[in-house]
Each structure stands twice: as C-alpha cells, then as structure tokens.
Amino acid sequence: MRRYLILPLLLVSLFAHAAASLRVGNKVLTVGDSAARVLQLMGEPSIRAFKQFQVGGLPPNQVANGEEWQYLQNGKTIIVTVVGGRVVNFETVHD
C-alpha cells in the first residue's frame, strides 16, 4: 500500500519546489520582503488569488488572509505567497 502512495509524492516533488529566496535578474527576493518589492522587481502578476493561510505564530485553528501571485516565466509558474504585505513563500511549478 505504501508503494502506491510514494510514487505520487515523488512526482509532485519533481514538479513543485518551494524556496526561501528567488533570483530576479541580478536581484534576489527573500521571504520577509515586502509586496511592494515583489511588484518592483517582477511587475504585476498574471493571476492573483485571495486565500487564507496557516502561517507560523498562529494557533492551528486560526488563519491569515493573503494572496498567491502567479507569474508565468519560460515554461514554469512562480507562485509568490503574500500575507500581511510580506512574502511568506516562493514556489516554482514546472509545466
């Protein structure tokens, strides 16, 4: 049974990668940077999705309102998660 669960997890890990920083040209965005800095370096996102997130420091039964900003770049999608005006996560999904 475990064998059938491991394969899908491996496939997901091949196509999505979360990181604490993101290189944009010769600049670097990091977790904790402002949403304004993301807009300055990356421009307006292709898609903005409003969501609720469980973020560090909050009890398990509380969530924070935030946004996922999606940027389409060279066969991949970069997802920047913004909560409270600050970046909390970067994720790259390879198409």
C-alpha atoms as a PDB file:
ATOM      1  CA  MET A   1       0.000   0.000   0.000  1.00  0.00           C
ATOM      2  CA  ARG A   2       2.801   2.440   0.855  1.00  0.00           C
ATOM      3  CA  ARG A   3       4.370   1.855  -2.525  1.00  0.00           C
ATOM      4  CA  TYR A   4       1.281   3.358  -4.172  1.00  0.00           C
ATOM      5  CA  LEU A   5       1.485   6.465  -2.005  1.00  0.00           C
ATOM      6  CA  ILE A   6       5.174   7.137  -2.543  1.00  0.00           C
ATOM      7  CA  LEU A   7       5.053   7.426  -6.345  1.00  0.00           C
ATOM      8  CA  PRO A   8       2.552  10.339  -6.439  1.00  0.00           C
ATOM      9  CA  LEU A   9       4.536  12.160  -3.750  1.00  0.00           C
ATOM     10  CA  LEU A  10       7.735  11.786  -5.742  1.00  0.00           C
ATOM     11  CA  LEU A  11       6.041  13.095  -8.873  1.00  0.00           C
ATOM     12  CA  VAL A  12       4.712  16.149  -7.047  1.00  0.00           C
ATOM     13  CA  SER A  13       8.156  16.886  -5.629  1.00  0.00           C
ATOM     14  CA  LEU A  14       9.628  16.830  -9.130  1.00  0.00           C
ATOM     15  CA  PHE A  15       7.216  19.457 -10.405  1.00  0.00           C
ATOM     16  CA  ALA A  16       6.990  21.889  -7.470  1.00  0.00           C
ATOM     17  CA  HIS A  17       9.756  23.410  -5.444  1.00  0.00           C
ATOM     18  CA  ALA A  18       9.426  25.846  -2.531  1.00  0.00           C
ATOM     19  CA  ALA A  19      12.296  28.144  -1.675  1.00  0.00           C
ATOM     20  CA  ALA A  20      13.239  30.889   0.786  1.00  0.00           C
ATOM     21  CA  SER A  21      14.583  33.155  -1.961  1.00  0.00           C
ATOM     22  CA  LEU A  22      14.074  33.870  -5.647  1.00  0.00           C
ATOM     23  CA  ARG A  23      16.544  35.342  -8.111  1.00  0.00           C
ATOM     24  CA  VAL A  24      15.061  38.027 -10.373  1.00  0.00           C
ATOM     25  CA  GLY A  25      17.694  39.126 -12.875  1.00  0.00           C
ATOM     26  CA  ASN A  26      20.630  40.300 -10.768  1.00  0.00           C
ATOM     27  CA  LYS A  27      18.434  40.934  -7.685  1.00  0.00           C
ATOM     28  CA  VAL A  28      17.185  38.491  -5.036  1.00  0.00           C
ATOM     29  CA  LEU A  29      13.799  38.390  -3.329  1.00  0.00           C
ATOM     30  CA  THR A  30      13.639  36.677   0.056  1.00  0.00           C
ATOM     31  CA  VAL A  31      10.920  35.578   2.450  1.00  0.00           C
ATOM     32  CA  GLY A  32      10.043  38.640   4.506  1.00  0.00           C
ATOM     33  CA  ASP A  33      10.419  41.125   1.652  1.00  0.00           C
ATOM     34  CA  SER A  34       7.514  43.500   1.063  1.00  0.00           C
ATOM     35  CA  ALA A  35       4.843  43.012  -1.566  1.00  0.00           C
ATOM     36  CA  ALA A  36       5.946  46.376  -2.993  1.00  0.00           C
ATOM     37  CA  ARG A  37       9.438  44.981  -3.616  1.00  0.00           C
ATOM     38  CA  VAL A  38       7.970  41.985  -5.458  1.00  0.00           C
ATOM     39  CA  LEU A  39       5.958  44.340  -7.671  1.00  0.00           C
ATOM     40  CA  GLN A  40       9.039  46.494  -8.240  1.00  0.00           C
ATOM     41  CA  LEU A  41      11.167  43.544  -9.398  1.00  0.00           C
ATOM     42  CA  MET A  42       8.586  41.273 -11.055  1.00  0.00           C
ATOM     43  CA  GLY A  43       5.759  43.579 -12.097  1.00  0.00           C
ATOM     44  CA  GLU A  44       2.063  42.767 -11.881  1.00  0.00           C
ATOM     45  CA  PRO A  45       1.278  39.045 -11.565  1.00  0.00           C
ATOM     46  CA  SER A  46      -0.637  37.168 -14.261  1.00  0.00           C
ATOM     47  CA  ILE A  47      -3.048  35.854 -11.617  1.00  0.00           C
ATOM     48  CA  ARG A  48      -3.899  36.982  -8.078  1.00  0.00           C
ATOM     49  CA  ALA A  49      -5.808  34.564  -5.881  1.00  0.00           C
ATOM     50  CA  PHE A  50      -7.109  35.585  -2.463  1.00  0.00           C
ATOM     51  CA  LYS A  51      -6.790  32.787   0.087  1.00  0.00           C
ATOM     52  CA  GLN A  52      -6.454  32.040   3.772  1.00  0.00           C
ATOM     53  CA  PHE A  53      -3.189  30.585   5.065  1.00  0.00           C
ATOM     54  CA  GLN A  54      -1.950  28.925   8.218  1.00  0.00           C
ATOM     55  CA  VAL A  55       1.244  30.843   8.976  1.00  0.00           C
ATOM     56  CA  GLY A  56       3.832  30.457  11.713  1.00  0.00           C
ATOM     57  CA  GLY A  57       2.978  32.001  15.029  1.00  0.00           C
ATOM     58  CA  LEU A  58      -0.771  31.484  14.733  1.00  0.00           C
ATOM     59  CA  PRO A  59      -2.598  28.729  16.600  1.00  0.00           C
ATOM     60  CA  PRO A  60      -3.697  25.797  14.390  1.00  0.00           C
ATOM     61  CA  ASN A  61      -7.323  26.983  14.397  1.00  0.00           C
ATOM     62  CA  GLN A  62      -6.504  30.489  13.091  1.00  0.00           C
ATOM     63  CA  VAL A  63      -5.658  31.589   9.569  1.00  0.00           C
ATOM     64  CA  ALA A  64      -4.432  34.801   7.969  1.00  0.00           C
ATOM     65  CA  ASN A  65      -5.797  36.396   4.806  1.00  0.00           C
ATOM     66  CA  GLY A  66      -3.321  36.606   1.982  1.00  0.00           C
ATOM     67  CA  GLU A  67      -2.734  36.288  -1.736  1.00  0.00           C
ATOM     68  CA  GLU A  68      -0.992  33.961  -4.150  1.00  0.00           C
ATOM     69  CA  TRP A  69       0.582  35.838  -7.034  1.00  0.00           C
ATOM     70  CA  GLN A  70       1.361  33.745 -10.113  1.00  0.00           C
ATOM     71  CA  TYR A  71       3.967  34.702 -12.690  1.00  0.00           C
ATOM     72  CA  LEU A  72       4.355  32.697 -15.912  1.00  0.00           C
ATOM     73  CA  GLN A  73       8.016  32.511 -16.987  1.00  0.00           C
ATOM     74  CA  ASN A  74       9.703  30.270 -19.566  1.00  0.00           C
ATOM     75  CA  GLY A  75       7.661  27.100 -19.089  1.00  0.00           C
ATOM     76  CA  LYS A  76       7.257  27.455 -15.339  1.00  0.00           C
ATOM     77  CA  THR A  77       4.921  29.185 -12.918  1.00  0.00           C
ATOM     78  CA  ILE A  78       6.359  31.125  -9.998  1.00  0.00           C
ATOM     79  CA  ILE A  79       3.920  31.449  -7.101  1.00  0.00           C
ATOM     80  CA  VAL A  80       4.630  34.154  -4.534  1.00  0.00           C
ATOM     81  CA  THR A  81       2.557  33.940  -1.351  1.00  0.00           C
ATOM     82  CA  VAL A  82       1.940  37.291   0.348  1.00  0.00           C
ATOM     83  CA  VAL A  83       0.395  37.594   3.816  1.00  0.00           C
ATOM     84  CA  GLY A  84       0.134  40.902   5.657  1.00  0.00           C
ATOM     85  CA  GLY A  85       2.025  42.707   2.898  1.00  0.00           C
ATOM     86  CA  ARG A  86       5.076  40.421   3.234  1.00  0.00           C
ATOM     87  CA  VAL A  87       6.319  37.419   1.266  1.00  0.00           C
ATOM     88  CA  VAL A  88       5.931  34.188   3.219  1.00  0.00           C
ATOM     89  CA  ASN A  89       6.757  31.647   0.478  1.00  0.00           C
ATOM     90  CA  PHE A  90       8.019  31.171  -3.059  1.00  0.00           C
ATOM     91  CA  GLU A  91       7.143  28.117  -5.112  1.00  0.00           C
ATOM     92  CA  THR A  92       8.183  27.153  -8.625  1.00  0.00           C
ATOM     93  CA  VAL A  93       5.982  24.773 -10.596  1.00  0.00           C
ATOM     94  CA  HIS A  94       7.488  23.404 -13.804  1.00  0.00           C
ATOM     95  CA  ASP A  95       4.920  22.973 -16.580  1.00  0.00           C
END
